[in-house]
Protein backbone atom coordinates (compact mmCIF):
# COMPACT_ATOMS: atom_id res chain seq x y z
CA UNK A 1 12.83 8.57 63.28
CA UNK A 2 11.60 6.12 65.97
CA UNK A 3 13.13 5.97 69.47
CA UNK A 4 13.58 2.29 70.40
CA UNK A 5 13.31 2.84 74.18
CA UNK A 6 10.04 4.73 74.27
CA UNK A 7 8.48 3.79 70.92
CA UNK A 8 7.85 7.49 70.32
CA UNK A 9 8.61 9.46 67.22
CA UNK A 10 11.57 11.84 67.49
CA UNK A 11 11.16 14.85 65.30
CA UNK A 12 14.41 15.82 63.63
CA UNK A 13 14.79 19.59 63.51
CA UNK A 14 16.02 20.71 60.12
CA UNK A 15 17.27 24.05 58.84
CA UNK A 16 13.93 24.47 57.08
CA UNK A 17 12.00 24.19 60.34
CA UNK A 18 14.29 26.63 62.13
CA UNK A 19 13.98 29.11 59.27
CA UNK A 20 10.23 28.59 59.19
CA UNK A 21 10.03 29.29 62.93
CA UNK A 22 12.05 32.48 62.39
CA UNK A 23 9.57 33.68 59.78
CA UNK A 24 6.37 33.07 61.72
CA UNK A 25 4.49 35.94 63.29
CA UNK A 26 6.00 36.67 66.68
CA UNK A 27 3.06 38.88 67.63
CA UNK A 28 0.22 36.73 66.38
CA UNK A 29 -2.72 37.13 68.70
CA UNK A 30 -3.70 34.12 70.78
CA UNK A 31 -7.24 35.49 70.96
CA UNK A 32 -9.78 34.01 68.58
CA UNK A 33 -12.35 36.29 67.00
CA UNK A 34 -15.38 35.71 64.88
CA UNK A 35 -14.64 35.80 61.10
CA UNK A 36 -16.59 39.04 60.62
CA UNK A 37 -14.00 40.81 62.84
CA UNK A 38 -11.66 40.60 59.83
CA UNK A 39 -13.82 43.06 57.87
CA UNK A 40 -11.78 45.88 59.46
CA UNK A 41 -8.72 44.56 57.57
CA UNK A 42 -10.65 44.61 54.30
CA UNK A 43 -11.51 48.27 54.84
CA UNK A 44 -7.95 49.12 55.92
CA UNK A 45 -6.66 47.40 52.76
CA UNK A 46 -9.12 49.30 50.59
CA UNK A 47 -8.08 52.63 52.13
CA UNK A 48 -4.41 51.70 51.71
CA UNK A 49 -5.06 50.82 48.07
CA UNK A 50 -6.74 54.19 47.51
CA UNK A 51 -3.77 55.97 49.08
CA UNK A 52 -1.39 54.02 46.80
CA UNK A 53 -3.39 54.98 43.71
CA UNK A 54 -3.85 58.65 44.68
CA UNK A 55 -0.16 59.09 45.63
CA UNK A 56 0.78 57.60 42.24
CA UNK A 57 3.12 55.00 43.73
CA UNK A 58 1.36 52.36 41.64
CA UNK A 59 1.97 54.33 38.47
CA UNK A 60 4.17 52.44 36.02
CA UNK A 61 5.58 55.77 34.84
CA UNK A 62 6.52 56.84 38.40
CA UNK A 63 8.23 53.49 39.00
CA UNK A 64 10.15 53.73 35.73
CA UNK A 65 11.21 57.29 36.64
CA UNK A 66 12.55 55.93 39.93
CA UNK A 67 14.56 53.15 38.31
CA UNK A 68 15.95 55.58 35.70
CA UNK A 69 16.87 58.05 38.49
CA UNK A 70 14.75 60.72 36.82
CA UNK A 71 12.47 61.63 39.74
CA UNK A 72 12.63 61.85 43.53
CA UNK A 73 8.89 61.11 44.00
CA UNK A 74 9.17 57.38 44.73
CA UNK A 75 12.34 57.75 46.80
CA UNK A 76 10.55 60.37 48.89
CA UNK A 77 7.56 58.11 49.47
CA UNK A 78 9.73 55.08 50.31
CA UNK A 79 12.05 57.16 52.49
CA UNK A 80 9.17 58.71 54.44
CA UNK A 81 7.68 55.22 54.97
CA UNK A 82 11.01 53.94 56.31
CA UNK A 83 11.40 56.99 58.57
CA UNK A 84 7.83 56.63 59.88
CA UNK A 85 8.41 52.91 60.53
CA UNK A 86 11.66 53.61 62.38
CA UNK A 87 9.98 56.21 64.61
CA UNK A 88 7.05 53.83 65.20
CA UNK A 89 9.30 50.95 66.25
CA UNK A 90 11.33 53.29 68.49
CA UNK A 91 8.14 54.44 70.22
CA UNK A 92 6.82 50.86 70.56
CA UNK A 93 10.08 49.78 72.24
CA UNK A 94 10.48 52.90 74.40
CA UNK A 95 6.92 52.98 75.77
CA UNK A 96 6.35 49.18 75.69
CA UNK A 97 3.19 49.67 73.62
CA UNK A 98 0.73 46.76 73.61
CA UNK A 99 -1.70 45.60 70.93
CA UNK A 100 -5.30 46.82 70.97
CA UNK A 101 -6.10 43.58 72.80
CA UNK A 102 -3.49 44.24 75.52
CA UNK A 103 -0.90 41.72 74.32
CA UNK A 104 2.84 42.45 74.34
CA UNK A 105 4.56 43.35 71.06
CA UNK A 106 7.84 41.49 70.58
CA UNK A 107 10.24 42.64 67.84
CA UNK A 108 12.76 39.82 67.27
CA UNK A 109 16.39 40.32 66.28
CA UNK A 110 17.04 39.18 62.71
CA UNK A 111 20.21 37.74 61.21
CA UNK A 112 21.53 38.83 57.84
CA UNK A 113 21.77 36.20 55.10
CA UNK A 114 23.27 36.48 51.63
CA UNK A 115 20.02 34.99 50.35
CA UNK A 116 18.44 38.35 51.16
CA UNK A 117 20.68 39.96 48.53
CA UNK A 118 19.63 37.42 45.89
CA UNK A 119 15.98 37.74 46.86
CA UNK A 120 16.20 41.52 46.77
CA UNK A 121 17.74 41.45 43.31
CA UNK A 122 15.05 39.11 41.97
CA UNK A 123 12.38 41.27 43.61
CA UNK A 124 13.92 44.44 42.13
CA UNK A 125 14.18 42.98 38.63
CA UNK A 126 10.56 41.87 38.77
CA UNK A 127 9.51 45.29 40.05
CA UNK A 128 11.44 47.05 37.28
CA UNK A 129 10.05 44.77 34.56
CA UNK A 130 6.40 44.84 35.60
CA UNK A 131 6.31 48.28 37.16
CA UNK A 132 4.66 46.92 40.30
CA UNK A 133 5.66 45.31 43.57
CA UNK A 134 3.35 42.84 45.39
CA UNK A 135 1.35 45.32 47.48
CA UNK A 136 0.35 47.63 44.64
CA UNK A 137 -0.48 44.66 42.39
CA UNK A 138 -3.78 44.31 44.21
CA UNK A 139 -4.42 48.06 44.03
CA UNK A 140 -3.68 48.05 40.31
CA UNK A 141 -6.01 45.12 39.67
CA UNK A 142 -8.65 46.86 41.80
CA UNK A 143 -8.14 50.08 39.83
CA UNK A 144 -8.93 48.20 36.62
CA UNK A 145 -5.42 47.71 35.19
CA UNK A 146 -6.31 44.27 33.88
CA UNK A 147 -2.83 43.44 32.53
CA UNK A 148 -1.62 43.34 36.14
CA UNK A 149 -3.63 40.14 36.62
CA UNK A 150 -0.79 38.42 34.75
CA UNK A 151 1.79 39.94 37.12
CA UNK A 152 -0.35 38.94 40.12
CA UNK A 153 -0.66 35.34 38.89
CA UNK A 154 3.10 35.30 38.23
CA UNK A 155 3.82 36.57 41.75
CA UNK A 156 1.60 33.87 43.27
CA UNK A 157 3.22 31.21 41.06
CA UNK A 158 6.70 32.41 42.04
CA UNK A 159 5.78 32.27 45.73
CA UNK A 160 4.37 28.77 45.29
CA UNK A 161 7.50 27.67 43.40
CA UNK A 162 9.77 29.06 46.13
CA UNK A 163 7.75 27.15 48.72
CA UNK A 164 8.30 23.94 46.76
CA UNK A 165 12.10 24.35 46.41
CA UNK A 166 12.79 26.17 49.71
CA UNK A 167 14.20 23.10 51.47
CA UNK A 168 16.80 22.63 48.74
CA UNK A 169 18.07 26.23 48.82
CA UNK A 170 20.96 27.41 51.00
CA UNK A 171 19.72 29.58 53.85
């Protein structure tokens, strides 16, 4: 849209832009590092992948046991991760912990949306059908479970498709 008095472009803020702003990283560092500084994330991801494989949370059988309510293993792992995250966030807020670079950590308030229910159901159905959620997909491919390449490609395609139709969906 063009403003007739100043000949400048007025940017119309849409629901998509507001939602996009809500989903951006609130704690993204303003510091710029050399690309080789990211190697630490590669190693952290590799260690995390090893932990996923060794704890059997990437096991299709363990995931099926969880969805059939036949085993507590996965619920215990997920529950302990939630509990650890809750304690971590409580400590970050209480002691005003900063990043390793000295920047403040801001945890924004989030609003509930019924789209989260639909997204959770789609996510759960996909998890139950493939036996893998997005994080372990990479660990499974790395562990040599080649059939998971199809699930990984499908997850990427689904994410791309959502990005294409996001503006048309109710948020």
